[in-house]
PDB file of N, CA and C in Angstrom:
ATOM      1  N   UNK A   1       0.849  -1.177   0.000  1.00  0.00           N
ATOM      2  CA  UNK A   1       0.000   0.000   0.000  1.00  0.00           C
ATOM      3  C   UNK A   1       0.894   1.239   0.000  1.00  0.00           C
ATOM      4  N   UNK A   2       0.575   2.172  -0.866  1.00  0.00           N
ATOM      5  CA  UNK A   2       1.343   3.410  -0.959  1.00  0.00           C
ATOM      6  C   UNK A   2       0.865   4.411   0.083  1.00  0.00           C
ATOM      7  N   UNK A   3       1.809   5.166   0.638  1.00  0.00           N
ATOM      8  CA  UNK A   3       1.412   6.224   1.550  1.00  0.00           C
ATOM      9  C   UNK A   3       1.083   7.485   0.737  1.00  0.00           C
ATOM     10  N   UNK A   4       0.601   8.510   1.409  1.00  0.00           N
ATOM     11  CA  UNK A   4       0.144   9.727   0.725  1.00  0.00           C
ATOM     12  C   UNK A   4       1.267  10.403  -0.068  1.00  0.00           C
ATOM     13  N   UNK A   5       2.453  10.452   0.499  1.00  0.00           N
ATOM     14  CA  UNK A   5       3.585  11.076  -0.192  1.00  0.00           C
ATOM     15  C   UNK A   5       3.961  10.293  -1.457  1.00  0.00           C
ATOM     16  N   UNK A   6       3.949   8.980  -1.366  1.00  0.00           N
ATOM     17  CA  UNK A   6       4.260   8.160  -2.537  1.00  0.00           C
ATOM     18  C   UNK A   6       3.209   8.341  -3.629  1.00  0.00           C
ATOM     19  N   UNK A   7       1.940   8.431  -3.228  1.00  0.00           N
ATOM     20  CA  UNK A   7       0.882   8.660  -4.213  1.00  0.00           C
ATOM     21  C   UNK A   7       1.071   9.997  -4.928  1.00  0.00           C
ATOM     22  N   UNK A   8       1.453  11.032  -4.177  1.00  0.00           N
ATOM     23  CA  UNK A   8       1.720  12.336  -4.792  1.00  0.00           C
ATOM     24  C   UNK A   8       2.896  12.242  -5.762  1.00  0.00           C
ATOM     25  N   UNK A   9       3.935  11.503  -5.373  1.00  0.00           N
ATOM     26  CA  UNK A   9       5.089  11.328  -6.255  1.00  0.00           C
ATOM     27  C   UNK A   9       4.694  10.635  -7.560  1.00  0.00           C
ATOM     28  N   UNK A  10       3.860   9.615  -7.450  1.00  0.00           N
ATOM     29  CA  UNK A  10       3.407   8.902  -8.645  1.00  0.00           C
ATOM     30  C   UNK A  10       2.548   9.825  -9.511  1.00  0.00           C
ATOM     31  N   UNK A  11       1.649  10.570  -8.878  1.00  0.00           N
ATOM     32  CA  UNK A  11       0.810  11.504  -9.634  1.00  0.00           C
ATOM     33  C   UNK A  11       1.679  12.543 -10.342  1.00  0.00           C
ATOM     34  N   UNK A  12       2.671  13.066  -9.657  1.00  0.00           N
ATOM     35  CA  UNK A  12       3.567  14.044 -10.279  1.00  0.00           C
ATOM     36  C   UNK A  12       4.315  13.437 -11.459  1.00  0.00           C
ATOM     37  N   UNK A  13       4.756  12.194 -11.317  1.00  0.00           N
ATOM     38  CA  UNK A  13       5.460  11.524 -12.412  1.00  0.00           C
ATOM     39  C   UNK A  13       4.540  11.334 -13.614  1.00  0.00           C
ATOM     40  N   UNK A  14       3.277  11.017 -13.375  1.00  0.00           N
ATOM     41  CA  UNK A  14       2.304  10.866 -14.457  1.00  0.00           C
ATOM     42  C   UNK A  14       2.115  12.205 -15.168  1.00  0.00           C
ATOM     43  N   UNK A  15       1.966  13.271 -14.406  1.00  0.00           N
ATOM     44  CA  UNK A  15       1.764  14.601 -14.989  1.00  0.00           C
ATOM     45  C   UNK A  15       2.982  15.022 -15.809  1.00  0.00           C
ATOM     46  N   UNK A  16       4.174  14.760 -15.281  1.00  0.00           N
ATOM     47  CA  UNK A  16       5.400  15.092 -16.018  1.00  0.00           C
ATOM     48  C   UNK A  16       5.442  14.328 -17.341  1.00  0.00           C
ATOM     49  N   UNK A  17       5.056  13.067 -17.318  1.00  0.00           N
ATOM     50  CA  UNK A  17       5.054  12.271 -18.550  1.00  0.00           C
ATOM     51  C   UNK A  17       4.023  12.801 -19.537  1.00  0.00           C
ATOM     52  N   UNK A  18       2.854  13.193 -19.061  1.00  0.00           N
ATOM     53  CA  UNK A  18       1.843  13.768 -19.956  1.00  0.00           C
ATOM     54  C   UNK A  18       2.342  15.070 -20.576  1.00  0.00           C
ATOM     55  N   UNK A  19       3.004  15.899 -19.785  1.00  0.00           N
ATOM     56  CA  UNK A  19       3.569  17.149 -20.312  1.00  0.00           C
ATOM     57  C   UNK A  19       4.642  16.841 -21.358  1.00  0.00           C
ATOM     58  N   UNK A  20       5.463  15.816 -21.098  1.00  0.00           N
ATOM     59  CA  UNK A  20       6.505  15.428 -22.051  1.00  0.00           C
ATOM     60  C   UNK A  20       5.890  14.931 -23.353  1.00  0.00           C
ATOM     61  N   UNK A  21       4.818  14.157 -23.248  1.00  0.00           N
ATOM     62  CA  UNK A  21       4.145  13.653 -24.449  1.00  0.00           C
ATOM     63  C   UNK A  21       3.573  14.801 -25.280  1.00  0.00           C
ATOM     64  N   UNK A  22       3.011  15.797 -24.605  1.00  0.00           N
ATOM     65  CA  UNK A  22       2.484  16.963 -25.342  1.00  0.00           C
ATOM     66  C   UNK A  22       3.614  17.691 -26.053  1.00  0.00           C
ATOM     67  N   UNK A  23       4.707  17.905 -25.335  1.00  0.00           N
ATOM     68  CA  UNK A  23       5.867  18.595 -25.922  1.00  0.00           C
ATOM     69  C   UNK A  23       6.424  17.797 -27.102  1.00  0.00           C
ATOM     70  N   UNK A  24       6.550  16.482 -26.919  1.00  0.00           N
ATOM     71  CA  UNK A  24       7.097  15.625 -27.973  1.00  0.00           C
ATOM     72  C   UNK A  24       6.223  15.676 -29.226  1.00  0.00           C
ATOM     73  N   UNK A  25       4.935  15.731 -29.022  1.00  0.00           N
ATOM     74  CA  UNK A  25       4.001  15.768 -30.142  1.00  0.00           C
ATOM     75  C   UNK A  25       3.969  17.154 -30.800  1.00  0.00           C
ATOM     76  N   UNK A  26       4.336  18.176 -30.034  1.00  0.00           N
ATOM     77  CA  UNK A  26       4.312  19.537 -30.559  1.00  0.00           C
ATOM     78  C   UNK A  26       2.921  20.140 -30.600  1.00  0.00           C
ATOM     79  N   UNK A  27       2.025  19.627 -29.789  1.00  0.00           N
ATOM     80  CA  UNK A  27       0.648  20.110 -29.762  1.00  0.00           C
ATOM     81  C   UNK A  27       0.506  21.297 -28.824  1.00  0.00           C
ATOM     82  N   UNK A  28      -0.314  22.233 -29.218  1.00  0.00           N
ATOM     83  CA  UNK A  28      -0.629  23.347 -28.326  1.00  0.00           C
ATOM     84  C   UNK A  28      -1.620  22.865 -27.275  1.00  0.00           C
ATOM     85  N   UNK A  29      -1.760  23.631 -26.219  1.00  0.00           N
ATOM     86  CA  UNK A  29      -2.741  23.303 -25.189  1.00  0.00           C
ATOM     87  C   UNK A  29      -4.146  23.252 -25.787  1.00  0.00           C
ATOM     88  N   UNK A  30      -4.442  24.205 -26.650  1.00  0.00           N
ATOM     89  CA  UNK A  30      -5.766  24.256 -27.276  1.00  0.00           C
ATOM     90  C   UNK A  30      -6.009  23.020 -28.147  1.00  0.00           C
ATOM     91  N   UNK A  31      -4.996  22.574 -28.869  1.00  0.00           N
ATOM     92  CA  UNK A  31      -5.148  21.378 -29.711  1.00  0.00           C
ATOM     93  C   UNK A  31      -5.425  20.141 -28.868  1.00  0.00           C
ATOM     94  N   UNK A  32      -4.726  20.026 -27.750  1.00  0.00           N
ATOM     95  CA  UNK A  32      -4.943  18.876 -26.868  1.00  0.00           C
ATOM     96  C   UNK A  32      -6.360  18.917 -26.307  1.00  0.00           C
ATOM     97  N   UNK A  33      -6.793  20.093 -25.845  1.00  0.00           N
ATOM     98  CA  UNK A  33      -8.145  20.221 -25.296  1.00  0.00           C
ATOM     99  C   UNK A  33      -9.199  19.901 -26.342  1.00  0.00           C
ATOM    100  N   UNK A  34      -8.985  20.360 -27.554  1.00  0.00           N
ATOM    101  CA  UNK A  34      -9.922  20.076 -28.642  1.00  0.00           C
ATOM    102  C   UNK A  34      -9.968  18.577 -28.933  1.00  0.00           C
ATOM    103  N   UNK A  35      -8.818  17.929 -28.909  1.00  0.00           N
ATOM    104  CA  UNK A  35      -8.751  16.484 -29.156  1.00  0.00           C
ATOM    105  C   UNK A  35      -9.484  15.688 -28.088  1.00  0.00           C
ATOM    106  N   UNK A  36      -9.576  16.255 -26.894  1.00  0.00           N
ATOM    107  CA  UNK A  36     -10.288  15.584 -25.806  1.00  0.00           C
ATOM    108  C   UNK A  36     -11.799  15.709 -25.963  1.00  0.00           C
ATOM    109  N   UNK A  37     -12.246  16.558 -26.873  1.00  0.00           N
ATOM    110  CA  UNK A  37     -13.673  16.686 -27.123  1.00  0.00           C
ATOM    111  C   UNK A  37     -14.382  17.667 -26.218  1.00  0.00           C
ATOM    112  N   UNK A  38     -13.644  18.579 -25.628  1.00  0.00           N
ATOM    113  CA  UNK A  38     -14.259  19.592 -24.767  1.00  0.00           C
ATOM    114  C   UNK A  38     -14.220  19.195 -23.305  1.00  0.00           C
ATOM    115  N   UNK A  39     -14.677  20.117 -22.484  1.00  0.00           N
ATOM    116  CA  UNK A  39     -14.714  19.867 -21.051  1.00  0.00           C
ATOM    117  C   UNK A  39     -13.441  20.256 -20.317  1.00  0.00           C
ATOM    118  N   UNK A  40     -12.413  20.623 -21.066  1.00  0.00           N
ATOM    119  CA  UNK A  40     -11.162  21.048 -20.456  1.00  0.00           C
ATOM    120  C   UNK A  40     -10.640  22.214 -21.281  1.00  0.00           C
ATOM    121  N   UNK A  41     -10.366  23.333 -20.600  1.00  0.00           N
ATOM    122  CA  UNK A  41      -9.875  24.494 -21.330  1.00  0.00           C
ATOM    123  C   UNK A  41      -8.349  24.575 -21.212  1.00  0.00           C
ATOM    124  N   UNK A  42      -7.700  25.272 -22.141  1.00  0.00           N
ATOM    125  CA  UNK A  42      -6.240  25.343 -22.157  1.00  0.00           C
ATOM    126  C   UNK A  42      -5.611  25.883 -20.873  1.00  0.00           C
ATOM    127  N   UNK A  43      -6.260  26.832 -20.228  1.00  0.00           N
ATOM    128  CA  UNK A  43      -5.713  27.384 -18.986  1.00  0.00           C
ATOM    129  C   UNK A  43      -5.672  26.323 -17.900  1.00  0.00           C
ATOM    130  N   UNK A  44      -6.752  25.595 -17.756  1.00  0.00           N
ATOM    131  CA  UNK A  44      -6.796  24.531 -16.751  1.00  0.00           C
ATOM    132  C   UNK A  44      -5.783  23.442 -17.077  1.00  0.00           C
ATOM    133  N   UNK A  45      -5.682  23.049 -18.351  1.00  0.00           N
ATOM    134  CA  UNK A  45      -4.709  22.032 -18.748  1.00  0.00           C
ATOM    135  C   UNK A  45      -3.292  22.497 -18.441  1.00  0.00           C
ATOM    136  N   UNK A  46      -2.998  23.741 -18.712  1.00  0.00           N
ATOM    137  CA  UNK A  46      -1.682  24.292 -18.406  1.00  0.00           C
ATOM    138  C   UNK A  46      -1.376  24.171 -16.914  1.00  0.00           C
ATOM    139  N   UNK A  47      -2.341  24.509 -16.085  1.00  0.00           N
ATOM    140  CA  UNK A  47      -2.143  24.431 -14.631  1.00  0.00           C
ATOM    141  C   UNK A  47      -1.980  22.982 -14.164  1.00  0.00           C
ATOM    142  N   UNK A  48      -2.678  22.062 -14.801  1.00  0.00           N
ATOM    143  CA  UNK A  48      -2.524  20.635 -14.470  1.00  0.00           C
ATOM    144  C   UNK A  48      -1.115  20.174 -14.829  1.00  0.00           C
ATOM    145  N   UNK A  49      -0.660  20.521 -16.035  1.00  0.00           N
ATOM    146  CA  UNK A  49       0.644  20.056 -16.505  1.00  0.00           C
ATOM    147  C   UNK A  49       1.802  20.729 -15.777  1.00  0.00           C
ATOM    148  N   UNK A  50       1.529  21.836 -15.090  1.00  0.00           N
ATOM    149  CA  UNK A  50       2.555  22.475 -14.248  1.00  0.00           C
ATOM    150  C   UNK A  50       2.458  22.010 -12.796  1.00  0.00           C
ATOM    151  N   UNK A  51       1.500  21.134 -12.508  1.00  0.00           N
ATOM    152  CA  UNK A  51       1.349  20.609 -11.157  1.00  0.00           C
ATOM    153  C   UNK A  51       0.629  21.548 -10.211  1.00  0.00           C
ATOM    154  N   UNK A  52      -0.050  22.548 -10.733  1.00  0.00           N
ATOM    155  CA  UNK A  52      -0.763  23.514  -9.900  1.00  0.00           C
ATOM    156  C   UNK A  52      -2.198  23.087  -9.599  1.00  0.00           C
ATOM    157  N   UNK A  53      -2.723  22.160 -10.369  1.00  0.00           N
ATOM    158  CA  UNK A  53      -4.067  21.613 -10.157  1.00  0.00           C
ATOM    159  C   UNK A  53      -3.984  20.105 -10.236  1.00  0.00           C
ATOM    160  N   UNK A  54      -4.881  19.449  -9.525  1.00  0.00           N
ATOM    161  CA  UNK A  54      -4.906  17.994  -9.585  1.00  0.00           C
ATOM    162  C   UNK A  54      -5.535  17.520 -10.883  1.00  0.00           C
ATOM    163  N   UNK A  55      -5.087  16.369 -11.306  1.00  0.00           N
ATOM    164  CA  UNK A  55      -5.579  15.724 -12.514  1.00  0.00           C
ATOM    165  C   UNK A  55      -6.709  14.781 -12.122  1.00  0.00           C
ATOM    166  N   UNK A  56      -7.897  14.976 -12.691  1.00  0.00           N
ATOM    167  CA  UNK A  56      -9.004  14.067 -12.383  1.00  0.00           C
ATOM    168  C   UNK A  56      -8.846  12.789 -13.204  1.00  0.00           C
ATOM    169  N   UNK A  57      -9.574  11.781 -12.823  1.00  0.00           N
ATOM    170  CA  UNK A  57      -9.503  10.508 -13.536  1.00  0.00           C
ATOM    171  C   UNK A  57      -9.950  10.659 -14.980  1.00  0.00           C
ATOM    172  N   UNK A  58     -11.051  11.363 -15.212  1.00  0.00           N
ATOM    173  CA  UNK A  58     -11.519  11.500 -16.594  1.00  0.00           C
ATOM    174  C   UNK A  58     -10.533  12.306 -17.423  1.00  0.00           C
ATOM    175  N   UNK A  59      -9.890  13.310 -16.838  1.00  0.00           N
ATOM    176  CA  UNK A  59      -8.867  14.075 -17.563  1.00  0.00           C
ATOM    177  C   UNK A  59      -7.668  13.189 -17.897  1.00  0.00           C
ATOM    178  N   UNK A  60      -7.251  12.379 -16.918  1.00  0.00           N
ATOM    179  CA  UNK A  60      -6.130  11.467 -17.117  1.00  0.00           C
ATOM    180  C   UNK A  60      -6.418  10.495 -18.259  1.00  0.00           C
ATOM    181  N   UNK A  61      -7.571   9.857 -18.224  1.00  0.00           N
ATOM    182  CA  UNK A  61      -7.922   8.892 -19.262  1.00  0.00           C
ATOM    183  C   UNK A  61      -8.054   9.595 -20.615  1.00  0.00           C
ATOM    184  N   UNK A  62      -8.645  10.782 -20.625  1.00  0.00           N
ATOM    185  CA  UNK A  62      -8.776  11.539 -21.871  1.00  0.00           C
ATOM    186  C   UNK A  62      -7.426  11.919 -22.460  1.00  0.00           C
ATOM    187  N   UNK A  63      -6.500  12.358 -21.619  1.00  0.00           N
ATOM    188  CA  UNK A  63      -5.167  12.721 -22.100  1.00  0.00           C
ATOM    189  C   UNK A  63      -4.410  11.494 -22.588  1.00  0.00           C
ATOM    190  N   UNK A  64      -4.572  10.377 -21.898  1.00  0.00           N
ATOM    191  CA  UNK A  64      -3.939   9.141 -22.364  1.00  0.00           C
ATOM    192  C   UNK A  64      -4.470   8.770 -23.748  1.00  0.00           C
ATOM    193  N   UNK A  65      -5.765   8.927 -23.953  1.00  0.00           N
ATOM    194  CA  UNK A  65      -6.367   8.618 -25.257  1.00  0.00           C
ATOM    195  C   UNK A  65      -5.806   9.542 -26.339  1.00  0.00           C
ATOM    196  N   UNK A  66      -5.687  10.831 -26.026  1.00  0.00           N
ATOM    197  CA  UNK A  66      -5.155  11.801 -26.985  1.00  0.00           C
ATOM    198  C   UNK A  66      -3.725  11.443 -27.388  1.00  0.00           C
ATOM    199  N   UNK A  67      -2.931  10.986 -26.419  1.00  0.00           N
ATOM    200  CA  UNK A  67      -1.526  10.674 -26.682  1.00  0.00           C
ATOM    201  C   UNK A  67      -1.290   9.201 -27.000  1.00  0.00           C
ATOM    202  N   UNK A  68      -2.383   8.453 -27.223  1.00  0.00           N
ATOM    203  CA  UNK A  68      -2.296   7.025 -27.572  1.00  0.00           C
ATOM    204  C   UNK A  68      -1.471   6.235 -26.555  1.00  0.00           C
ATOM    205  N   UNK A  69      -1.752   6.473 -25.293  1.00  0.00           N
ATOM    206  CA  UNK A  69      -1.050   5.789 -24.203  1.00  0.00           C
ATOM    207  C   UNK A  69      -2.051   4.984 -23.385  1.00  0.00           C
ATOM    208  N   UNK A  70      -1.623   3.856 -22.871  1.00  0.00           N
ATOM    209  CA  UNK A  70      -2.441   3.067 -21.965  1.00  0.00           C
ATOM    210  C   UNK A  70      -2.361   3.696 -20.570  1.00  0.00           C
ATOM    211  N   UNK A  71      -3.497   4.038 -19.962  1.00  0.00           N
ATOM    212  CA  UNK A  71      -3.453   4.597 -18.609  1.00  0.00           C
ATOM    213  C   UNK A  71      -2.726   3.669 -17.632  1.00  0.00           C
ATOM    214  N   UNK A  72      -2.956   2.377 -17.742  1.00  0.00           N
ATOM    215  CA  UNK A  72      -2.304   1.422 -16.861  1.00  0.00           C
ATOM    216  C   UNK A  72      -0.799   1.409 -17.030  1.00  0.00           C
ATOM    217  N   UNK A  73      -0.338   1.457 -18.281  1.00  0.00           N
ATOM    218  CA  UNK A  73       1.090   1.458 -18.544  1.00  0.00           C
ATOM    219  C   UNK A  73       1.736   2.715 -17.992  1.00  0.00           C
ATOM    220  N   UNK A  74       1.052   3.842 -18.157  1.00  0.00           N
ATOM    221  CA  UNK A  74       1.589   5.112 -17.672  1.00  0.00           C
ATOM    222  C   UNK A  74       1.714   5.112 -16.141  1.00  0.00           C
ATOM    223  N   UNK A  75       0.704   4.595 -15.456  1.00  0.00           N
ATOM    224  CA  UNK A  75       0.760   4.521 -13.995  1.00  0.00           C
ATOM    225  C   UNK A  75       1.820   3.515 -13.559  1.00  0.00           C
ATOM    226  N   UNK A  76       1.884   2.369 -14.229  1.00  0.00           N
ATOM    227  CA  UNK A  76       2.914   1.374 -13.894  1.00  0.00           C
ATOM    228  C   UNK A  76       4.309   1.965 -14.023  1.00  0.00           C
ATOM    229  N   UNK A  77       4.545   2.684 -15.109  1.00  0.00           N
ATOM    230  CA  UNK A  77       5.866   3.279 -15.336  1.00  0.00           C
ATOM    231  C   UNK A  77       6.165   4.353 -14.289  1.00  0.00           C
ATOM    232  N   UNK A  78       5.161   5.154 -13.946  1.00  0.00           N
ATOM    233  CA  UNK A  78       5.355   6.184 -12.914  1.00  0.00           C
ATOM    234  C   UNK A  78       5.680   5.536 -11.576  1.00  0.00           C
ATOM    235  N   UNK A  79       4.996   4.447 -11.248  1.00  0.00           N
ATOM    236  CA  UNK A  79       5.285   3.738  -9.995  1.00  0.00           C
ATOM    237  C   UNK A  79       6.699   3.179 -10.026  1.00  0.00           C
ATOM    238  N   UNK A  80       7.081   2.586 -11.134  1.00  0.00           N
ATOM    239  CA  UNK A  80       8.417   2.013 -11.231  1.00  0.00           C
ATOM    240  C   UNK A  80       9.479   3.082 -11.031  1.00  0.00           C
ATOM    241  N   UNK A  81       9.315   4.190 -11.703  1.00  0.00           N
ATOM    242  CA  UNK A  81      10.318   5.254 -11.634  1.00  0.00           C
ATOM    243  C   UNK A  81      10.362   5.889 -10.255  1.00  0.00           C
ATOM    244  N   UNK A  82       9.208   6.151  -9.659  1.00  0.00           N
ATOM    245  CA  UNK A  82       9.190   6.892  -8.395  1.00  0.00           C
ATOM    246  C   UNK A  82       9.393   6.010  -7.162  1.00  0.00           C
ATOM    247  N   UNK A  83       9.083   4.728  -7.264  1.00  0.00           N
ATOM    248  CA  UNK A  83       9.125   3.888  -6.079  1.00  0.00           C
ATOM    249  C   UNK A  83      10.287   2.894  -6.068  1.00  0.00           C
ATOM    250  N   UNK A  84      10.928   2.698  -7.206  1.00  0.00           N
ATOM    251  CA  UNK A  84      12.057   1.770  -7.289  1.00  0.00           C
ATOM    252  C   UNK A  84      13.344   2.553  -7.046  1.00  0.00           C
ATOM    253  N   UNK A  85      14.048   2.281  -5.952  1.00  0.00           N
ATOM    254  CA  UNK A  85      15.267   3.039  -5.636  1.00  0.00           C
ATOM    255  C   UNK A  85      16.304   2.992  -6.758  1.00  0.00           C
ATOM    256  N   UNK A  86      16.368   1.875  -7.483  1.00  0.00           N
ATOM    257  CA  UNK A  86      17.326   1.773  -8.583  1.00  0.00           C
ATOM    258  C   UNK A  86      16.933   2.728  -9.705  1.00  0.00           C
ATOM    259  N   UNK A  87      15.639   2.791 -10.034  1.00  0.00           N
ATOM    260  CA  UNK A  87      15.183   3.686 -11.092  1.00  0.00           C
ATOM    261  C   UNK A  87      15.424   5.135 -10.711  1.00  0.00           C
ATOM    262  N   UNK A  88      15.156   5.496  -9.466  1.00  0.00           N
ATOM    263  CA  UNK A  88      15.394   6.870  -9.013  1.00  0.00           C
ATOM    264  C   UNK A  88      16.880   7.189  -9.089  1.00  0.00           C
ATOM    265  N   UNK A  89      17.721   6.255  -8.701  1.00  0.00           N
ATOM    266  CA  UNK A  89      19.164   6.466  -8.776  1.00  0.00           C
ATOM    267  C   UNK A  89      19.582   6.683 -10.232  1.00  0.00           C
ATOM    268  N   UNK A  90      18.993   5.924 -11.152  1.00  0.00           N
ATOM    269  CA  UNK A  90      19.331   6.070 -12.566  1.00  0.00           C
ATOM    270  C   UNK A  90      18.913   7.433 -13.113  1.00  0.00           C
ATOM    271  N   UNK A  91      17.908   8.058 -12.502  1.00  0.00           N
ATOM    272  CA  UNK A  91      17.435   9.367 -12.959  1.00  0.00           C
ATOM    273  C   UNK A  91      18.203  10.523 -12.339  1.00  0.00           C
ATOM    274  N   UNK A  92      18.991  10.264 -11.318  1.00  0.00           N
ATOM    275  CA  UNK A  92      19.702  11.331 -10.606  1.00  0.00           C
ATOM    276  C   UNK A  92      20.507  12.230 -11.541  1.00  0.00           C
ATOM    277  N   UNK A  93      21.279  11.674 -12.491  1.00  0.00           N
ATOM    278  CA  UNK A  93      22.021  12.570 -13.398  1.00  0.00           C
ATOM    279  C   UNK A  93      21.104  13.484 -14.208  1.00  0.00           C
ATOM    280  N   UNK A  94      19.931  12.978 -14.601  1.00  0.00           N
ATOM    281  CA  UNK A  94      18.986  13.803 -15.349  1.00  0.00           C
ATOM    282  C   UNK A  94      18.491  14.958 -14.489  1.00  0.00           C
ATOM    283  N   UNK A  95      18.175  14.690 -13.208  1.00  0.00           N
ATOM    284  CA  UNK A  95      17.726  15.746 -12.314  1.00  0.00           C
ATOM    285  C   UNK A  95      18.808  16.806 -12.153  1.00  0.00           C
ATOM    286  N   UNK A  96      20.054  16.377 -12.067  1.00  0.00           N
ATOM    287  CA  UNK A  96      21.168  17.316 -11.934  1.00  0.00           C
ATOM    288  C   UNK A  96      21.307  18.181 -13.176  1.00  0.00           C
ATOM    289  N   UNK A  97      21.180  17.573 -14.346  1.00  0.00           N
ATOM    290  CA  UNK A  97      21.318  18.323 -15.602  1.00  0.00           C
ATOM    291  C   UNK A  97      20.204  19.353 -15.726  1.00  0.00           C
ATOM    292  N   UNK A  98      18.959  18.943 -15.454  1.00  0.00           N
ATOM    293  CA  UNK A  98      17.841  19.863 -15.647  1.00  0.00           C
ATOM    294  C   UNK A  98      17.798  20.954 -14.618  1.00  0.00           C
ATOM    295  N   UNK A  99      18.462  20.786 -13.467  1.00  0.00           N
ATOM    296  CA  UNK A  99      18.467  21.844 -12.460  1.00  0.00           C
ATOM    297  C   UNK A  99      19.678  22.744 -12.554  1.00  0.00           C
ATOM    298  N   UNK A 100      20.639  22.411 -13.424  1.00  0.00           N
ATOM    299  CA  UNK A 100      21.826  23.244 -13.578  1.00  0.00           C
ATOM    300  C   UNK A 100      21.541  24.364 -14.560  1.00  0.00           C
ATOM    301  N   UNK A 101      22.359  25.434 -14.565  1.00  0.00           N
ATOM    302  CA  UNK A 101      22.166  26.512 -15.534  1.00  0.00           C
ATOM    303  C   UNK A 101      22.241  26.020 -16.971  1.00  0.00           C
ATOM    304  N   UNK A 102      23.096  25.039 -17.246  1.00  0.00           N
ATOM    305  CA  UNK A 102      23.171  24.480 -18.597  1.00  0.00           C
ATOM    306  C   UNK A 102      21.883  23.739 -18.923  1.00  0.00           C
ATOM    307  N   UNK A 103      21.340  22.998 -17.941  1.00  0.00           N
ATOM    308  CA  UNK A 103      20.112  22.263 -18.149  1.00  0.00           C
ATOM    309  C   UNK A 103      18.934  23.158 -18.452  1.00  0.00           C
ATOM    310  N   UNK A 104      18.992  24.404 -18.010  1.00  0.00           N
ATOM    311  CA  UNK A 104      17.895  25.339 -18.270  1.00  0.00           C
ATOM    312  C   UNK A 104      17.689  25.543 -19.763  1.00  0.00           C
ATOM    313  N   UNK A 105      18.763  25.399 -20.529  1.00  0.00           N
ATOM    314  CA  UNK A 105      18.651  25.528 -21.987  1.00  0.00           C
ATOM    315  C   UNK A 105      17.762  24.435 -22.571  1.00  0.00           C
ATOM    316  N   UNK A 106      17.644  23.318 -21.859  1.00  0.00           N
ATOM    317  CA  UNK A 106      16.883  22.185 -22.342  1.00  0.00           C
ATOM    318  C   UNK A 106      15.552  22.046 -21.630  1.00  0.00           C
ATOM    319  N   UNK A 107      15.097  23.097 -21.007  1.00  0.00           N
ATOM    320  CA  UNK A 107      13.784  23.095 -20.364  1.00  0.00           C
ATOM    321  C   UNK A 107      13.826  22.770 -18.897  1.00  0.00           C
ATOM    322  N   UNK A 108      15.017  22.774 -18.284  1.00  0.00           N
ATOM    323  CA  UNK A 108      15.137  22.442 -16.855  1.00  0.00           C
ATOM    324  C   UNK A 108      14.801  23.589 -15.973  1.00  0.00           C
TER     325      UNK A 108
END
């Protein structure tokens, strides 16, 4: 059973992956919202992808559908990355790069 902090970490990892998928696809916030069929406006989506608002289940499933991702796979991967000490250790260099002044050039 995950504790509250671990659940937040997994949720944050899911949101980061959704933001990465949007960036990789090159879609605007408005395009993503339109692809979801309404019910989510670009401002709210922006706040979700920045971690300022919580992601609801229907939003999560809708975004997974837009990005052709399995919700289960995305959650499994987020759990693996955030809860497996080896996976977190493997990500440490990436965290260092994105938080350095040089990493800022790459979106850090």
